[in-house]
């Protein structure tokens, strides 16, 4: 069942944009991959993304993790992260990004 908020109640994740060329990054890196020396402009990632692929990873015989890949910012930013609090996900579902539990980022489903 879709939720409106992540169940872990963590803060919003920020992404960085290079002020020289508008390259978007997450995680925010000390040296931008675009090669510019400018400090990235930080912006909260509050909009939802769209799942374009997913896979289930079997961690043990009893435990699996669902990873989803989603496009954010009209495709300018792609994030791969575990789905938090749900194993159900489908291509085209809308997700939001939050801080992860065992990973830097997690995704939670907000609808399709």
N, C-alpha and C. Protein backbone atom coordinates (compact mmCIF):
# COMPACT_ATOMS: atom_id res chain seq x y z
N UNK A 1 0.84 -1.18 0.00
CA UNK A 1 0.00 0.00 0.00
C UNK A 1 0.89 1.24 0.00
N UNK A 2 0.64 2.22 -0.89
CA UNK A 2 1.46 3.42 -0.96
C UNK A 2 1.34 4.25 0.32
N UNK A 3 2.44 4.92 0.64
CA UNK A 3 2.45 5.81 1.78
C UNK A 3 2.83 7.20 1.32
N UNK A 4 2.49 8.21 2.13
CA UNK A 4 2.84 9.57 1.78
C UNK A 4 4.15 10.00 2.41
N UNK A 5 4.60 9.34 3.44
CA UNK A 5 5.83 9.70 4.14
C UNK A 5 6.63 8.44 4.44
N UNK A 6 7.97 8.58 4.48
CA UNK A 6 8.76 7.41 4.85
C UNK A 6 8.50 7.07 6.31
N UNK A 7 8.49 5.77 6.61
CA UNK A 7 8.19 5.37 7.97
C UNK A 7 9.34 5.64 8.93
N UNK A 8 10.56 5.88 8.39
CA UNK A 8 11.68 6.12 9.29
C UNK A 8 11.76 7.59 9.71
N UNK A 9 10.98 8.49 9.10
CA UNK A 9 10.89 9.88 9.53
C UNK A 9 12.18 10.66 9.44
N UNK A 10 13.06 10.33 8.53
CA UNK A 10 14.34 11.02 8.42
C UNK A 10 14.22 12.29 7.59
N UNK A 11 15.30 13.06 7.62
CA UNK A 11 15.33 14.34 6.91
C UNK A 11 15.38 14.16 5.40
N UNK A 12 15.07 15.23 4.72
CA UNK A 12 15.13 15.27 3.27
C UNK A 12 16.58 15.21 2.80
N UNK A 13 16.83 14.52 1.72
CA UNK A 13 18.15 14.40 1.12
C UNK A 13 18.38 15.59 0.20
N UNK A 14 19.61 16.12 0.18
CA UNK A 14 19.96 17.21 -0.72
C UNK A 14 20.81 16.68 -1.87
N UNK A 15 20.63 17.28 -3.05
CA UNK A 15 21.48 16.98 -4.19
C UNK A 15 22.26 18.25 -4.52
N UNK A 16 23.32 18.11 -5.30
CA UNK A 16 24.14 19.25 -5.67
C UNK A 16 24.05 19.53 -7.15
N UNK A 17 24.12 20.82 -7.51
CA UNK A 17 24.14 21.24 -8.91
C UNK A 17 25.35 22.14 -9.12
N UNK A 18 26.16 21.83 -10.14
CA UNK A 18 27.30 22.67 -10.46
C UNK A 18 26.78 24.00 -11.01
N UNK A 19 27.19 25.14 -10.40
CA UNK A 19 26.69 26.43 -10.89
C UNK A 19 27.24 26.80 -12.27
N UNK A 20 28.34 26.18 -12.70
CA UNK A 20 28.93 26.51 -14.00
C UNK A 20 28.22 25.81 -15.15
N UNK A 21 27.91 24.50 -14.99
CA UNK A 21 27.35 23.75 -16.11
C UNK A 21 26.01 23.07 -15.81
N UNK A 22 25.53 23.18 -14.56
CA UNK A 22 24.25 22.62 -14.13
C UNK A 22 24.28 21.09 -14.00
N UNK A 23 25.46 20.47 -13.94
CA UNK A 23 25.58 19.03 -13.70
C UNK A 23 24.97 18.72 -12.34
N UNK A 24 24.16 17.67 -12.27
CA UNK A 24 23.46 17.30 -11.03
C UNK A 24 24.12 16.07 -10.44
N UNK A 25 24.33 16.08 -9.11
CA UNK A 25 24.99 14.94 -8.47
C UNK A 25 24.34 14.56 -7.15
N UNK A 26 24.32 13.27 -6.92
CA UNK A 26 23.92 12.68 -5.65
C UNK A 26 24.58 11.31 -5.59
N UNK A 27 25.48 11.08 -4.69
CA UNK A 27 25.86 11.93 -3.57
C UNK A 27 26.65 13.15 -4.05
N UNK A 28 26.74 14.12 -3.15
CA UNK A 28 27.49 15.34 -3.45
C UNK A 28 28.97 15.02 -3.25
N UNK A 29 29.74 15.25 -4.27
CA UNK A 29 31.16 14.90 -4.27
C UNK A 29 32.04 16.12 -4.02
N UNK A 30 33.21 15.94 -3.39
CA UNK A 30 34.08 17.08 -3.13
C UNK A 30 34.61 17.72 -4.41
N UNK A 31 34.85 16.91 -5.45
CA UNK A 31 35.24 17.42 -6.76
C UNK A 31 34.17 16.97 -7.75
N UNK A 32 33.56 17.94 -8.40
CA UNK A 32 32.48 17.62 -9.33
C UNK A 32 33.01 16.83 -10.52
N UNK A 33 32.30 15.77 -10.94
CA UNK A 33 32.72 15.00 -12.11
C UNK A 33 32.79 15.84 -13.39
N UNK A 34 32.11 16.98 -13.41
CA UNK A 34 32.14 17.83 -14.61
C UNK A 34 33.47 18.56 -14.73
N UNK A 35 34.25 18.63 -13.64
CA UNK A 35 35.57 19.25 -13.70
C UNK A 35 35.63 20.70 -13.24
N UNK A 36 34.52 21.32 -12.92
CA UNK A 36 34.53 22.71 -12.46
C UNK A 36 34.89 22.78 -10.99
N UNK A 37 35.57 23.87 -10.59
CA UNK A 37 36.01 24.04 -9.21
C UNK A 37 34.94 24.66 -8.31
N UNK A 38 33.83 25.11 -8.90
CA UNK A 38 32.79 25.78 -8.12
C UNK A 38 32.14 24.82 -7.12
N UNK A 39 31.79 25.35 -5.96
CA UNK A 39 31.06 24.55 -4.97
C UNK A 39 29.64 24.30 -5.48
N UNK A 40 29.13 23.08 -5.32
CA UNK A 40 27.78 22.81 -5.80
C UNK A 40 26.73 23.56 -4.98
N UNK A 41 25.66 23.92 -5.65
CA UNK A 41 24.51 24.52 -5.00
C UNK A 41 23.66 23.37 -4.46
N UNK A 42 23.38 23.39 -3.16
CA UNK A 42 22.62 22.31 -2.53
C UNK A 42 21.13 22.62 -2.58
N UNK A 43 20.34 21.60 -2.91
CA UNK A 43 18.89 21.74 -3.02
C UNK A 43 18.23 20.50 -2.45
N UNK A 44 17.20 20.66 -1.61
CA UNK A 44 16.48 19.48 -1.12
C UNK A 44 15.79 18.75 -2.27
N UNK A 45 15.90 17.42 -2.27
CA UNK A 45 15.24 16.61 -3.29
C UNK A 45 13.87 16.20 -2.75
N UNK A 46 12.89 17.06 -3.00
CA UNK A 46 11.56 16.84 -2.45
C UNK A 46 10.58 16.26 -3.47
N UNK A 47 10.92 16.36 -4.76
CA UNK A 47 9.99 15.83 -5.76
C UNK A 47 10.13 14.32 -5.88
N UNK A 48 9.13 13.69 -6.41
CA UNK A 48 9.17 12.25 -6.59
C UNK A 48 9.86 11.90 -7.90
N UNK A 49 10.31 10.66 -7.98
CA UNK A 49 10.91 10.13 -9.19
C UNK A 49 10.07 8.98 -9.71
N UNK A 50 10.45 8.47 -10.87
CA UNK A 50 9.70 7.38 -11.50
C UNK A 50 10.63 6.17 -11.65
N UNK A 51 10.17 5.02 -11.16
CA UNK A 51 10.94 3.79 -11.24
C UNK A 51 11.04 3.35 -12.70
N UNK A 52 12.28 3.10 -13.17
CA UNK A 52 12.45 2.58 -14.52
C UNK A 52 12.98 1.16 -14.53
N UNK A 53 13.45 0.67 -13.38
CA UNK A 53 13.90 -0.72 -13.28
C UNK A 53 13.98 -1.11 -11.81
N UNK A 54 13.92 -2.40 -11.54
CA UNK A 54 14.07 -2.88 -10.18
C UNK A 54 14.56 -4.32 -10.20
N UNK A 55 15.09 -4.77 -9.08
CA UNK A 55 15.53 -6.15 -8.95
C UNK A 55 15.45 -6.56 -7.48
N UNK A 56 15.30 -7.85 -7.24
CA UNK A 56 15.33 -8.37 -5.88
C UNK A 56 16.66 -9.07 -5.68
N UNK A 57 17.32 -8.75 -4.58
CA UNK A 57 18.62 -9.33 -4.24
C UNK A 57 18.41 -10.25 -3.05
N UNK A 58 18.74 -11.52 -3.21
CA UNK A 58 18.60 -12.49 -2.13
C UNK A 58 19.81 -12.39 -1.23
N UNK A 59 19.62 -11.87 -0.01
CA UNK A 59 20.73 -11.68 0.93
C UNK A 59 21.05 -12.97 1.68
N UNK A 60 20.03 -13.67 2.11
CA UNK A 60 20.17 -14.98 2.75
C UNK A 60 18.99 -15.81 2.26
N UNK A 61 18.89 -17.03 2.74
CA UNK A 61 17.76 -17.86 2.33
C UNK A 61 16.42 -17.28 2.75
N UNK A 62 16.42 -16.55 3.87
CA UNK A 62 15.17 -15.98 4.39
C UNK A 62 14.98 -14.50 4.10
N UNK A 63 16.01 -13.82 3.64
CA UNK A 63 15.94 -12.36 3.54
C UNK A 63 16.35 -11.88 2.15
N UNK A 64 15.55 -10.97 1.59
CA UNK A 64 15.89 -10.35 0.31
C UNK A 64 15.69 -8.85 0.41
N UNK A 65 16.31 -8.13 -0.50
CA UNK A 65 16.19 -6.68 -0.58
C UNK A 65 15.75 -6.32 -1.99
N UNK A 66 14.80 -5.41 -2.11
CA UNK A 66 14.38 -4.93 -3.42
C UNK A 66 15.09 -3.62 -3.69
N UNK A 67 15.83 -3.57 -4.80
CA UNK A 67 16.51 -2.35 -5.24
C UNK A 67 15.74 -1.78 -6.42
N UNK A 68 15.59 -0.47 -6.43
CA UNK A 68 14.93 0.19 -7.56
C UNK A 68 15.84 1.27 -8.12
N UNK A 69 15.73 1.48 -9.41
CA UNK A 69 16.42 2.56 -10.09
C UNK A 69 15.34 3.54 -10.55
N UNK A 70 15.52 4.81 -10.20
CA UNK A 70 14.48 5.79 -10.50
C UNK A 70 15.09 7.06 -11.08
N UNK A 71 14.34 7.68 -11.98
CA UNK A 71 14.72 8.96 -12.57
C UNK A 71 14.07 10.08 -11.79
N UNK A 72 14.86 11.10 -11.46
CA UNK A 72 14.40 12.31 -10.80
C UNK A 72 14.78 13.51 -11.66
N UNK A 73 14.15 14.65 -11.40
CA UNK A 73 14.48 15.90 -12.08
C UNK A 73 14.42 15.75 -13.60
N UNK A 74 13.32 15.17 -14.06
CA UNK A 74 13.08 14.96 -15.50
C UNK A 74 14.21 14.19 -16.16
N UNK A 75 14.76 13.19 -15.45
CA UNK A 75 15.79 12.33 -16.00
C UNK A 75 17.21 12.83 -15.83
N UNK A 76 17.40 13.99 -15.22
CA UNK A 76 18.75 14.52 -15.02
C UNK A 76 19.49 13.83 -13.88
N UNK A 77 18.77 13.12 -13.01
CA UNK A 77 19.37 12.45 -11.87
C UNK A 77 18.78 11.05 -11.75
N UNK A 78 19.65 10.04 -11.73
CA UNK A 78 19.20 8.64 -11.54
C UNK A 78 19.75 8.14 -10.22
N UNK A 79 18.88 7.51 -9.46
CA UNK A 79 19.25 7.00 -8.15
C UNK A 79 18.90 5.52 -8.08
N UNK A 80 19.84 4.73 -7.59
CA UNK A 80 19.61 3.31 -7.31
C UNK A 80 19.71 3.13 -5.81
N UNK A 81 18.67 2.59 -5.20
CA UNK A 81 18.64 2.43 -3.75
C UNK A 81 17.62 1.37 -3.36
N UNK A 82 17.74 0.85 -2.13
CA UNK A 82 16.75 -0.11 -1.66
C UNK A 82 15.38 0.53 -1.44
N UNK A 83 14.34 -0.26 -1.64
CA UNK A 83 12.99 0.17 -1.31
C UNK A 83 12.80 -0.05 0.19
N UNK A 84 12.37 1.00 0.87
CA UNK A 84 12.19 0.95 2.32
C UNK A 84 10.73 0.58 2.62
N UNK A 85 10.54 -0.37 3.52
CA UNK A 85 9.23 -0.75 4.05
C UNK A 85 8.28 -1.39 3.05
N UNK A 86 8.82 -1.90 1.94
CA UNK A 86 7.94 -2.56 0.98
C UNK A 86 8.78 -3.39 0.02
N UNK A 87 8.31 -4.54 -0.31
CA UNK A 87 8.98 -5.34 -1.33
C UNK A 87 8.27 -5.17 -2.67
N UNK A 88 7.11 -4.52 -2.64
CA UNK A 88 6.31 -4.35 -3.85
C UNK A 88 6.70 -3.07 -4.56
N UNK A 89 7.10 -3.20 -5.81
CA UNK A 89 7.45 -2.04 -6.62
C UNK A 89 7.23 -2.43 -8.08
N UNK A 90 6.90 -1.48 -8.91
CA UNK A 90 6.69 -1.76 -10.33
C UNK A 90 7.26 -0.62 -11.15
N UNK A 91 7.64 -0.94 -12.37
CA UNK A 91 8.11 0.10 -13.28
C UNK A 91 6.98 1.10 -13.46
N UNK A 92 7.31 2.38 -13.35
CA UNK A 92 6.32 3.45 -13.45
C UNK A 92 5.83 3.96 -12.12
N UNK A 93 6.10 3.23 -11.02
CA UNK A 93 5.70 3.71 -9.69
C UNK A 93 6.46 4.98 -9.34
N UNK A 94 5.82 5.83 -8.55
CA UNK A 94 6.47 7.05 -8.08
C UNK A 94 7.11 6.76 -6.73
N UNK A 95 8.33 7.27 -6.54
CA UNK A 95 9.07 7.08 -5.30
C UNK A 95 9.71 8.40 -4.88
N UNK A 96 10.01 8.48 -3.61
CA UNK A 96 10.78 9.61 -3.06
C UNK A 96 12.03 9.04 -2.42
N UNK A 97 13.04 9.88 -2.31
CA UNK A 97 14.31 9.47 -1.73
C UNK A 97 14.39 9.97 -0.28
N UNK A 98 14.99 9.14 0.57
CA UNK A 98 15.21 9.49 1.96
C UNK A 98 16.55 8.91 2.38
N UNK A 99 17.01 9.23 3.56
CA UNK A 99 18.22 8.60 4.08
C UNK A 99 17.93 7.13 4.30
N UNK A 100 18.89 6.28 3.98
CA UNK A 100 18.70 4.84 4.10
C UNK A 100 18.95 4.35 5.51
N UNK A 101 18.67 3.10 5.70
CA UNK A 101 18.91 2.45 6.99
C UNK A 101 20.31 1.84 7.02
N UNK A 102 20.60 0.98 6.05
CA UNK A 102 21.92 0.34 5.95
C UNK A 102 22.72 0.88 4.77
N UNK A 103 22.15 1.81 4.04
CA UNK A 103 22.78 2.41 2.87
C UNK A 103 22.59 3.92 2.95
N UNK A 104 23.37 4.70 2.19
CA UNK A 104 23.22 6.16 2.28
C UNK A 104 21.82 6.67 1.93
N UNK A 105 21.17 6.02 0.94
CA UNK A 105 19.86 6.47 0.49
C UNK A 105 18.89 5.30 0.42
N UNK A 106 17.63 5.61 0.55
CA UNK A 106 16.57 4.63 0.37
C UNK A 106 15.45 5.28 -0.41
N UNK A 107 14.59 4.47 -1.00
CA UNK A 107 13.43 4.96 -1.74
C UNK A 107 12.18 4.42 -1.07
N UNK A 108 11.15 5.23 -1.05
CA UNK A 108 9.86 4.75 -0.55
C UNK A 108 8.80 5.10 -1.58
N UNK A 109 7.86 4.20 -1.70
CA UNK A 109 6.82 4.29 -2.72
C UNK A 109 5.76 5.30 -2.32
N UNK A 110 5.38 6.16 -3.27
CA UNK A 110 4.32 7.13 -3.02
C UNK A 110 3.16 6.96 -3.98
N UNK A 111 3.20 5.95 -4.83
CA UNK A 111 2.08 5.69 -5.73
C UNK A 111 2.57 5.29 -7.10
N UNK A 112 1.63 5.13 -8.01
CA UNK A 112 2.00 4.76 -9.39
C UNK A 112 1.35 5.69 -10.37
